[in-house]
Amino acid sequence: MAKITAPNKGYNGISAGVKFTNGQAYCSDTWVNKWFAEHGYIVEEDNNGSVPVDAEEQPGSDGSGNTDRNEDPEIKPKGRKGK
């Protein structure tokens, strides 16, 4: 699990499928963490495997590395109709 800090400390939103609150997020996907590090974010790896309480609802924070953008059951992918 890594703590990610955005360049904009007040950022609230989703970047690369990871939810940021007040410029901070948590993610266990090593590829996504590398992307953030390469794009000016501060990535602090936590090697003890703990998950902060407020990070449990964020994509990729369950240890599965899943950052699927369609995790919300109300969001349906658009496809071809009639087939």
PDB file of N, CA and C in Angstrom:
ATOM      1  N   MET A   1       0.861  -1.174   0.000  1.00  0.00           N
ATOM      2  CA  MET A   1       0.000   0.000   0.000  1.00  0.00           C
ATOM      3  C   MET A   1       0.903   1.230   0.000  1.00  0.00           C
ATOM      4  N   ALA A   2       0.542   2.192  -0.826  1.00  0.00           N
ATOM      5  CA  ALA A   2       1.312   3.428  -0.891  1.00  0.00           C
ATOM      6  C   ALA A   2       0.399   4.618  -0.641  1.00  0.00           C
ATOM      7  N   LYS A   3       0.945   5.600   0.030  1.00  0.00           N
ATOM      8  CA  LYS A   3       0.255   6.869   0.209  1.00  0.00           C
ATOM      9  C   LYS A   3       0.734   7.777  -0.920  1.00  0.00           C
ATOM     10  N   ILE A   4      -0.204   8.364  -1.632  1.00  0.00           N
ATOM     11  CA  ILE A   4       0.125   9.224  -2.758  1.00  0.00           C
ATOM     12  C   ILE A   4      -0.326  10.635  -2.416  1.00  0.00           C
ATOM     13  N   THR A   5       0.569  11.594  -2.625  1.00  0.00           N
ATOM     14  CA  THR A   5       0.255  12.988  -2.385  1.00  0.00           C
ATOM     15  C   THR A   5       0.324  13.728  -3.717  1.00  0.00           C
ATOM     16  N   ALA A   6      -0.755  14.393  -4.069  1.00  0.00           N
ATOM     17  CA  ALA A   6      -0.844  15.132  -5.330  1.00  0.00           C
ATOM     18  C   ALA A   6      -0.061  16.438  -5.233  1.00  0.00           C
ATOM     19  N   PRO A   7       0.402  16.937  -6.384  1.00  0.00           N
ATOM     20  CA  PRO A   7       1.068  18.246  -6.384  1.00  0.00           C
ATOM     21  C   PRO A   7       0.152  19.356  -5.861  1.00  0.00           C
ATOM     22  N   ASN A   8      -1.144  19.237  -6.113  1.00  0.00           N
ATOM     23  CA  ASN A   8      -2.140  20.174  -5.598  1.00  0.00           C
ATOM     24  C   ASN A   8      -2.679  19.598  -4.294  1.00  0.00           C
ATOM     25  N   LYS A   9      -2.257  20.151  -3.175  1.00  0.00           N
ATOM     26  CA  LYS A   9      -2.609  19.611  -1.856  1.00  0.00           C
ATOM     27  C   LYS A   9      -4.104  19.666  -1.554  1.00  0.00           C
ATOM     28  N   GLY A  10      -4.858  20.442  -2.285  1.00  0.00           N
ATOM     29  CA  GLY A  10      -6.293  20.546  -2.052  1.00  0.00           C
ATOM     30  C   GLY A  10      -7.124  19.773  -3.072  1.00  0.00           C
ATOM     31  N   TYR A  11      -6.472  18.917  -3.875  1.00  0.00           N
ATOM     32  CA  TYR A  11      -7.185  18.212  -4.940  1.00  0.00           C
ATOM     33  C   TYR A  11      -8.162  17.180  -4.386  1.00  0.00           C
ATOM     34  N   ASN A  12      -9.394  17.227  -4.875  1.00  0.00           N
ATOM     35  CA  ASN A  12     -10.432  16.246  -4.560  1.00  0.00           C
ATOM     36  C   ASN A  12     -10.974  15.736  -5.883  1.00  0.00           C
ATOM     37  N   GLY A  13     -10.748  14.476  -6.175  1.00  0.00           N
ATOM     38  CA  GLY A  13     -11.216  13.917  -7.431  1.00  0.00           C
ATOM     39  C   GLY A  13     -10.558  12.584  -7.697  1.00  0.00           C
ATOM     40  N   ILE A  14     -10.726  12.101  -8.926  1.00  0.00           N
ATOM     41  CA  ILE A  14     -10.181  10.805  -9.309  1.00  0.00           C
ATOM     42  C   ILE A  14      -9.147  10.997 -10.398  1.00  0.00           C
ATOM     43  N   SER A  15      -7.967  10.449 -10.186  1.00  0.00           N
ATOM     44  CA  SER A  15      -6.890  10.454 -11.174  1.00  0.00           C
ATOM     45  C   SER A  15      -6.401   9.032 -11.330  1.00  0.00           C
ATOM     46  N   ALA A  16      -6.272   8.578 -12.572  1.00  0.00           N
ATOM     47  CA  ALA A  16      -5.800   7.213 -12.871  1.00  0.00           C
ATOM     48  C   ALA A  16      -6.602   6.165 -12.093  1.00  0.00           C
ATOM     49  N   GLY A  17      -7.889   6.436 -11.865  1.00  0.00           N
ATOM     50  CA  GLY A  17      -8.756   5.490 -11.175  1.00  0.00           C
ATOM     51  C   GLY A  17      -8.610   5.481  -9.669  1.00  0.00           C
ATOM     52  N   VAL A  18      -7.876   6.433  -9.118  1.00  0.00           N
ATOM     53  CA  VAL A  18      -7.632   6.495  -7.672  1.00  0.00           C
ATOM     54  C   VAL A  18      -8.282   7.766  -7.128  1.00  0.00           C
ATOM     55  N   LYS A  19      -9.061   7.617  -6.061  1.00  0.00           N
ATOM     56  CA  LYS A  19      -9.779   8.744  -5.459  1.00  0.00           C
ATOM     57  C   LYS A  19      -8.865   9.521  -4.514  1.00  0.00           C
ATOM     58  N   PHE A  20      -8.756  10.831  -4.754  1.00  0.00           N
ATOM     59  CA  PHE A  20      -7.971  11.723  -3.910  1.00  0.00           C
ATOM     60  C   PHE A  20      -8.898  12.580  -3.070  1.00  0.00           C
ATOM     61  N   THR A  21      -8.528  12.755  -1.800  1.00  0.00           N
ATOM     62  CA  THR A  21      -9.229  13.640  -0.893  1.00  0.00           C
ATOM     63  C   THR A  21      -8.204  14.554  -0.250  1.00  0.00           C
ATOM     64  N   ASN A  22      -8.397  15.853  -0.424  1.00  0.00           N
ATOM     65  CA  ASN A  22      -7.446  16.843   0.094  1.00  0.00           C
ATOM     66  C   ASN A  22      -6.011  16.529  -0.342  1.00  0.00           C
ATOM     67  N   GLY A  23      -5.867  16.107  -1.599  1.00  0.00           N
ATOM     68  CA  GLY A  23      -4.538  15.873  -2.171  1.00  0.00           C
ATOM     69  C   GLY A  23      -3.894  14.558  -1.785  1.00  0.00           C
ATOM     70  N   GLN A  24      -4.606  13.665  -1.088  1.00  0.00           N
ATOM     71  CA  GLN A  24      -4.013  12.399  -0.664  1.00  0.00           C
ATOM     72  C   GLN A  24      -4.884  11.219  -1.084  1.00  0.00           C
ATOM     73  N   ALA A  25      -4.199  10.101  -1.390  1.00  0.00           N
ATOM     74  CA  ALA A  25      -4.895   8.867  -1.765  1.00  0.00           C
ATOM     75  C   ALA A  25      -4.031   7.684  -1.358  1.00  0.00           C
ATOM     76  N   TYR A  26      -4.608   6.491  -1.437  1.00  0.00           N
ATOM     77  CA  TYR A  26      -3.894   5.253  -1.130  1.00  0.00           C
ATOM     78  C   TYR A  26      -4.140   4.261  -2.262  1.00  0.00           C
ATOM     79  N   CYS A  27      -3.093   3.554  -2.661  1.00  0.00           N
ATOM     80  CA  CYS A  27      -3.213   2.616  -3.777  1.00  0.00           C
ATOM     81  C   CYS A  27      -2.203   1.485  -3.609  1.00  0.00           C
ATOM     82  N   SER A  28      -2.613   0.269  -3.959  1.00  0.00           N
ATOM     83  CA  SER A  28      -1.713  -0.877  -3.862  1.00  0.00           C
ATOM     84  C   SER A  28      -1.239  -1.358  -5.234  1.00  0.00           C
ATOM     85  N   ASP A  29      -1.669  -0.718  -6.303  1.00  0.00           N
ATOM     86  CA  ASP A  29      -1.284  -1.114  -7.658  1.00  0.00           C
ATOM     87  C   ASP A  29       0.089  -0.516  -7.978  1.00  0.00           C
ATOM     88  N   THR A  30       1.104  -1.360  -8.082  1.00  0.00           N
ATOM     89  CA  THR A  30       2.474  -0.869  -8.277  1.00  0.00           C
ATOM     90  C   THR A  30       2.640  -0.117  -9.590  1.00  0.00           C
ATOM     91  N   TRP A  31       1.942  -0.548 -10.648  1.00  0.00           N
ATOM     92  CA  TRP A  31       2.057   0.155 -11.924  1.00  0.00           C
ATOM     93  C   TRP A  31       1.491   1.563 -11.817  1.00  0.00           C
ATOM     94  N   VAL A  32       0.330   1.706 -11.176  1.00  0.00           N
ATOM     95  CA  VAL A  32      -0.296   3.018 -11.002  1.00  0.00           C
ATOM     96  C   VAL A  32       0.577   3.892 -10.107  1.00  0.00           C
ATOM     97  N   ASN A  33       1.126   3.313  -9.045  1.00  0.00           N
ATOM     98  CA  ASN A  33       2.008   4.074  -8.155  1.00  0.00           C
ATOM     99  C   ASN A  33       3.225   4.602  -8.916  1.00  0.00           C
ATOM    100  N   LYS A  34       3.779   3.771  -9.796  1.00  0.00           N
ATOM    101  CA  LYS A  34       4.927   4.195 -10.604  1.00  0.00           C
ATOM    102  C   LYS A  34       4.524   5.353 -11.512  1.00  0.00           C
ATOM    103  N   TRP A  35       3.337   5.255 -12.116  1.00  0.00           N
ATOM    104  CA  TRP A  35       2.855   6.330 -12.982  1.00  0.00           C
ATOM    105  C   TRP A  35       2.770   7.642 -12.211  1.00  0.00           C
ATOM    106  N   PHE A  36       2.194   7.597 -11.003  1.00  0.00           N
ATOM    107  CA  PHE A  36       2.087   8.808 -10.194  1.00  0.00           C
ATOM    108  C   PHE A  36       3.473   9.385  -9.896  1.00  0.00           C
ATOM    109  N   ALA A  37       4.417   8.534  -9.514  1.00  0.00           N
ATOM    110  CA  ALA A  37       5.775   8.995  -9.201  1.00  0.00           C
ATOM    111  C   ALA A  37       6.418   9.676 -10.410  1.00  0.00           C
ATOM    112  N   GLU A  38       6.160   9.152 -11.596  1.00  0.00           N
ATOM    113  CA  GLU A  38       6.732   9.711 -12.825  1.00  0.00           C
ATOM    114  C   GLU A  38       6.067  11.022 -13.241  1.00  0.00           C
ATOM    115  N   HIS A  39       4.934  11.330 -12.648  1.00  0.00           N
ATOM    116  CA  HIS A  39       4.192  12.525 -13.022  1.00  0.00           C
ATOM    117  C   HIS A  39       4.124  13.561 -11.904  1.00  0.00           C
ATOM    118  N   GLY A  40       5.085  13.550 -10.998  1.00  0.00           N
ATOM    119  CA  GLY A  40       5.211  14.610 -10.007  1.00  0.00           C
ATOM    120  C   GLY A  40       4.476  14.420  -8.704  1.00  0.00           C
ATOM    121  N   TYR A  41       3.874  13.264  -8.498  1.00  0.00           N
ATOM    122  CA  TYR A  41       3.208  12.973  -7.231  1.00  0.00           C
ATOM    123  C   TYR A  41       4.232  12.374  -6.263  1.00  0.00           C
ATOM    124  N   ILE A  42       4.019  12.539  -4.984  1.00  0.00           N
ATOM    125  CA  ILE A  42       4.882  11.915  -3.973  1.00  0.00           C
ATOM    126  C   ILE A  42       4.260  10.565  -3.620  1.00  0.00           C
ATOM    127  N   VAL A  43       5.030   9.491  -3.785  1.00  0.00           N
ATOM    128  CA  VAL A  43       4.543   8.144  -3.501  1.00  0.00           C
ATOM    129  C   VAL A  43       5.366   7.578  -2.354  1.00  0.00           C
ATOM    130  N   GLU A  44       4.709   7.316  -1.233  1.00  0.00           N
ATOM    131  CA  GLU A  44       5.373   6.768  -0.049  1.00  0.00           C
ATOM    132  C   GLU A  44       4.891   5.333   0.155  1.00  0.00           C
ATOM    133  N   GLU A  45       5.772   4.376  -0.094  1.00  0.00           N
ATOM    134  CA  GLU A  45       5.423   2.960   0.064  1.00  0.00           C
ATOM    135  C   GLU A  45       5.340   2.597   1.538  1.00  0.00           C
ATOM    136  N   ASP A  46       4.302   1.826   1.887  1.00  0.00           N
ATOM    137  CA  ASP A  46       4.128   1.311   3.236  1.00  0.00           C
ATOM    138  C   ASP A  46       4.282  -0.200   3.151  1.00  0.00           C
ATOM    139  N   ASN A  47       5.376  -0.718   3.612  1.00  0.00           N
ATOM    140  CA  ASN A  47       5.679  -2.136   3.449  1.00  0.00           C
ATOM    141  C   ASN A  47       5.075  -3.039   4.515  1.00  0.00           C
ATOM    142  N   ASN A  48       4.359  -2.481   5.487  1.00  0.00           N
ATOM    143  CA  ASN A  48       3.805  -3.345   6.536  1.00  0.00           C
ATOM    144  C   ASN A  48       2.422  -3.878   6.185  1.00  0.00           C
ATOM    145  N   GLY A  49       1.863  -3.480   5.036  1.00  0.00           N
ATOM    146  CA  GLY A  49       0.597  -4.038   4.581  1.00  0.00           C
ATOM    147  C   GLY A  49      -0.641  -3.457   5.227  1.00  0.00           C
ATOM    148  N   SER A  50      -0.494  -2.445   6.056  1.00  0.00           N
ATOM    149  CA  SER A  50      -1.670  -1.879   6.707  1.00  0.00           C
ATOM    150  C   SER A  50      -2.439  -0.993   5.729  1.00  0.00           C
ATOM    151  N   VAL A  51      -3.735  -0.924   5.934  1.00  0.00           N
ATOM    152  CA  VAL A  51      -4.594  -0.096   5.108  1.00  0.00           C
ATOM    153  C   VAL A  51      -5.240   0.943   6.008  1.00  0.00           C
ATOM    154  N   PRO A  52      -5.007   2.237   5.752  1.00  0.00           N
ATOM    155  CA  PRO A  52      -5.652   3.260   6.560  1.00  0.00           C
ATOM    156  C   PRO A  52      -7.171   3.127   6.458  1.00  0.00           C
ATOM    157  N   VAL A  53      -7.876   3.430   7.524  1.00  0.00           N
ATOM    158  CA  VAL A  53      -9.316   3.247   7.583  1.00  0.00           C
ATOM    159  C   VAL A  53     -10.010   3.993   6.452  1.00  0.00           C
ATOM    160  N   ASP A  54      -9.616   5.223   6.160  1.00  0.00           N
ATOM    161  CA  ASP A  54     -10.287   5.996   5.128  1.00  0.00           C
ATOM    162  C   ASP A  54      -9.921   5.548   3.719  1.00  0.00           C
ATOM    163  N   ALA A  55      -8.974   4.656   3.559  1.00  0.00           N
ATOM    164  CA  ALA A  55      -8.564   4.186   2.235  1.00  0.00           C
ATOM    165  C   ALA A  55      -9.303   2.932   1.808  1.00  0.00           C
ATOM    166  N   GLU A  56     -10.046   2.320   2.696  1.00  0.00           N
ATOM    167  CA  GLU A  56     -10.667   1.041   2.388  1.00  0.00           C
ATOM    168  C   GLU A  56     -11.684   1.114   1.266  1.00  0.00           C
ATOM    169  N   GLU A  57     -12.251   2.271   0.996  1.00  0.00           N
ATOM    170  CA  GLU A  57     -13.259   2.386  -0.040  1.00  0.00           C
ATOM    171  C   GLU A  57     -12.678   2.813  -1.375  1.00  0.00           C
ATOM    172  N   GLN A  58     -11.365   3.031  -1.444  1.00  0.00           N
ATOM    173  CA  GLN A  58     -10.762   3.518  -2.667  1.00  0.00           C
ATOM    174  C   GLN A  58     -10.367   2.380  -3.586  1.00  0.00           C
ATOM    175  N   PRO A  59     -10.462   2.601  -4.917  1.00  0.00           N
ATOM    176  CA  PRO A  59     -10.058   1.568  -5.869  1.00  0.00           C
ATOM    177  C   PRO A  59      -8.616   1.148  -5.652  1.00  0.00           C
ATOM    178  N   GLY A  60      -8.366  -0.122  -5.715  1.00  0.00           N
ATOM    179  CA  GLY A  60      -7.007  -0.634  -5.598  1.00  0.00           C
ATOM    180  C   GLY A  60      -6.491  -0.731  -4.186  1.00  0.00           C
ATOM    181  N   SER A  61      -7.281  -0.326  -3.195  1.00  0.00           N
ATOM    182  CA  SER A  61      -6.778  -0.307  -1.830  1.00  0.00           C
ATOM    183  C   SER A  61      -7.043  -1.615  -1.091  1.00  0.00           C
ATOM    184  N   ASP A  62      -7.676  -2.584  -1.754  1.00  0.00           N
ATOM    185  CA  ASP A  62      -7.988  -3.842  -1.084  1.00  0.00           C
ATOM    186  C   ASP A  62      -6.878  -4.869  -1.215  1.00  0.00           C
ATOM    187  N   GLY A  63      -5.772  -4.486  -1.834  1.00  0.00           N
ATOM    188  CA  GLY A  63      -4.659  -5.407  -2.011  1.00  0.00           C
ATOM    189  C   GLY A  63      -4.767  -6.216  -3.281  1.00  0.00           C
ATOM    190  N   SER A  64      -5.872  -6.086  -4.012  1.00  0.00           N
ATOM    191  CA  SER A  64      -6.047  -6.860  -5.242  1.00  0.00           C
ATOM    192  C   SER A  64      -5.395  -6.177  -6.431  1.00  0.00           C
ATOM    193  N   GLY A  65      -5.091  -4.900  -6.299  1.00  0.00           N
ATOM    194  CA  GLY A  65      -4.553  -4.154  -7.422  1.00  0.00           C
ATOM    195  C   GLY A  65      -5.624  -3.752  -8.421  1.00  0.00           C
ATOM    196  N   ASN A  66      -6.885  -4.005  -8.086  1.00  0.00           N
ATOM    197  CA  ASN A  66      -7.985  -3.698  -8.985  1.00  0.00           C
ATOM    198  C   ASN A  66      -8.260  -2.210  -8.991  1.00  0.00           C
ATOM    199  N   THR A  67      -8.058  -1.583 -10.131  1.00  0.00           N
ATOM    200  CA  THR A  67      -8.384  -0.171 -10.279  1.00  0.00           C
ATOM    201  C   THR A  67      -9.423  -0.003 -11.374  1.00  0.00           C
ATOM    202  N   ASP A  68     -10.295  -0.992 -11.521  1.00  0.00           N
ATOM    203  CA  ASP A  68     -11.343  -0.978 -12.528  1.00  0.00           C
ATOM    204  C   ASP A  68     -12.206   0.263 -12.368  1.00  0.00           C
ATOM    205  N   ARG A  69     -12.401   0.992 -13.447  1.00  0.00           N
ATOM    206  CA  ARG A  69     -13.176   2.226 -13.400  1.00  0.00           C
ATOM    207  C   ARG A  69     -14.668   1.948 -13.290  1.00  0.00           C
ATOM    208  N   ASN A  70     -15.112   0.690 -13.462  1.00  0.00           N
ATOM    209  CA  ASN A  70     -16.532   0.358 -13.415  1.00  0.00           C
ATOM    210  C   ASN A  70     -16.907  -0.383 -12.138  1.00  0.00           C
ATOM    211  N   GLU A  71     -16.329  -0.002 -11.016  1.00  0.00           N
ATOM    212  CA  GLU A  71     -16.628  -0.675  -9.759  1.00  0.00           C
ATOM    213  C   GLU A  71     -18.020  -0.341  -9.242  1.00  0.00           C
ATOM    214  N   ASP A  72     -18.556   0.815  -9.593  1.00  0.00           N
ATOM    215  CA  ASP A  72     -19.881   1.208  -9.156  1.00  0.00           C
ATOM    216  C   ASP A  72     -20.910   0.378  -9.908  1.00  0.00           C
ATOM    217  N   PRO A  73     -21.763  -0.372  -9.218  1.00  0.00           N
ATOM    218  CA  PRO A  73     -22.728  -1.229  -9.904  1.00  0.00           C
ATOM    219  C   PRO A  73     -23.730  -0.445 -10.743  1.00  0.00           C
ATOM    220  N   GLU A  74     -23.875   0.855 -10.490  1.00  0.00           N
ATOM    221  CA  GLU A  74     -24.793   1.674 -11.265  1.00  0.00           C
ATOM    222  C   GLU A  74     -24.199   2.081 -12.612  1.00  0.00           C
ATOM    223  N   ILE A  75     -22.897   1.938 -12.787  1.00  0.00           N
ATOM    224  CA  ILE A  75     -22.246   2.310 -14.041  1.00  0.00           C
ATOM    225  C   ILE A  75     -22.207   1.085 -14.938  1.00  0.00           C
ATOM    226  N   LYS A  76     -22.799   1.204 -16.098  1.00  0.00           N
ATOM    227  CA  LYS A  76     -22.807   0.108 -17.053  1.00  0.00           C
ATOM    228  C   LYS A  76     -21.948   0.494 -18.252  1.00  0.00           C
ATOM    229  N   PRO A  77     -21.045  -0.381 -18.680  1.00  0.00           N
ATOM    230  CA  PRO A  77     -20.260  -0.064 -19.876  1.00  0.00           C
ATOM    231  C   PRO A  77     -21.161   0.035 -21.093  1.00  0.00           C
ATOM    232  N   LYS A  78     -20.838   0.975 -21.965  1.00  0.00           N
ATOM    233  CA  LYS A  78     -21.633   1.144 -23.178  1.00  0.00           C
ATOM    234  C   LYS A  78     -21.181   0.115 -24.198  1.00  0.00           C
ATOM    235  N   GLY A  79     -22.123  -0.492 -24.861  1.00  0.00           N
ATOM    236  CA  GLY A  79     -21.815  -1.495 -25.858  1.00  0.00           C
ATOM    237  C   GLY A  79     -22.750  -1.358 -27.045  1.00  0.00           C
ATOM    238  N   ARG A  80     -22.624  -2.268 -27.946  1.00  0.00           N
ATOM    239  CA  ARG A  80     -23.477  -2.255 -29.127  1.00  0.00           C
ATOM    240  C   ARG A  80     -24.872  -2.718 -28.745  1.00  0.00           C
ATOM    241  N   LYS A  81     -25.862  -1.997 -29.194  1.00  0.00           N
ATOM    242  CA  LYS A  81     -27.244  -2.343 -28.898  1.00  0.00           C
ATOM    243  C   LYS A  81     -27.757  -3.364 -29.917  1.00  0.00           C
ATOM    244  N   GLY A  82     -28.612  -4.266 -29.451  1.00  0.00           N
ATOM    245  CA  GLY A  82     -29.256  -5.208 -30.327  1.00  0.00           C
ATOM    246  C   GLY A  82     -28.436  -6.429 -30.684  1.00  0.00           C
ATOM    247  N   LYS A  83     -27.290  -6.581 -30.124  1.00  0.00           N
ATOM    248  CA  LYS A  83     -26.438  -7.749 -30.425  1.00  0.00           C
ATOM    249  C   LYS A  83     -26.204  -8.549 -29.177  1.00  0.00           C
TER     250      LYS A  83
END
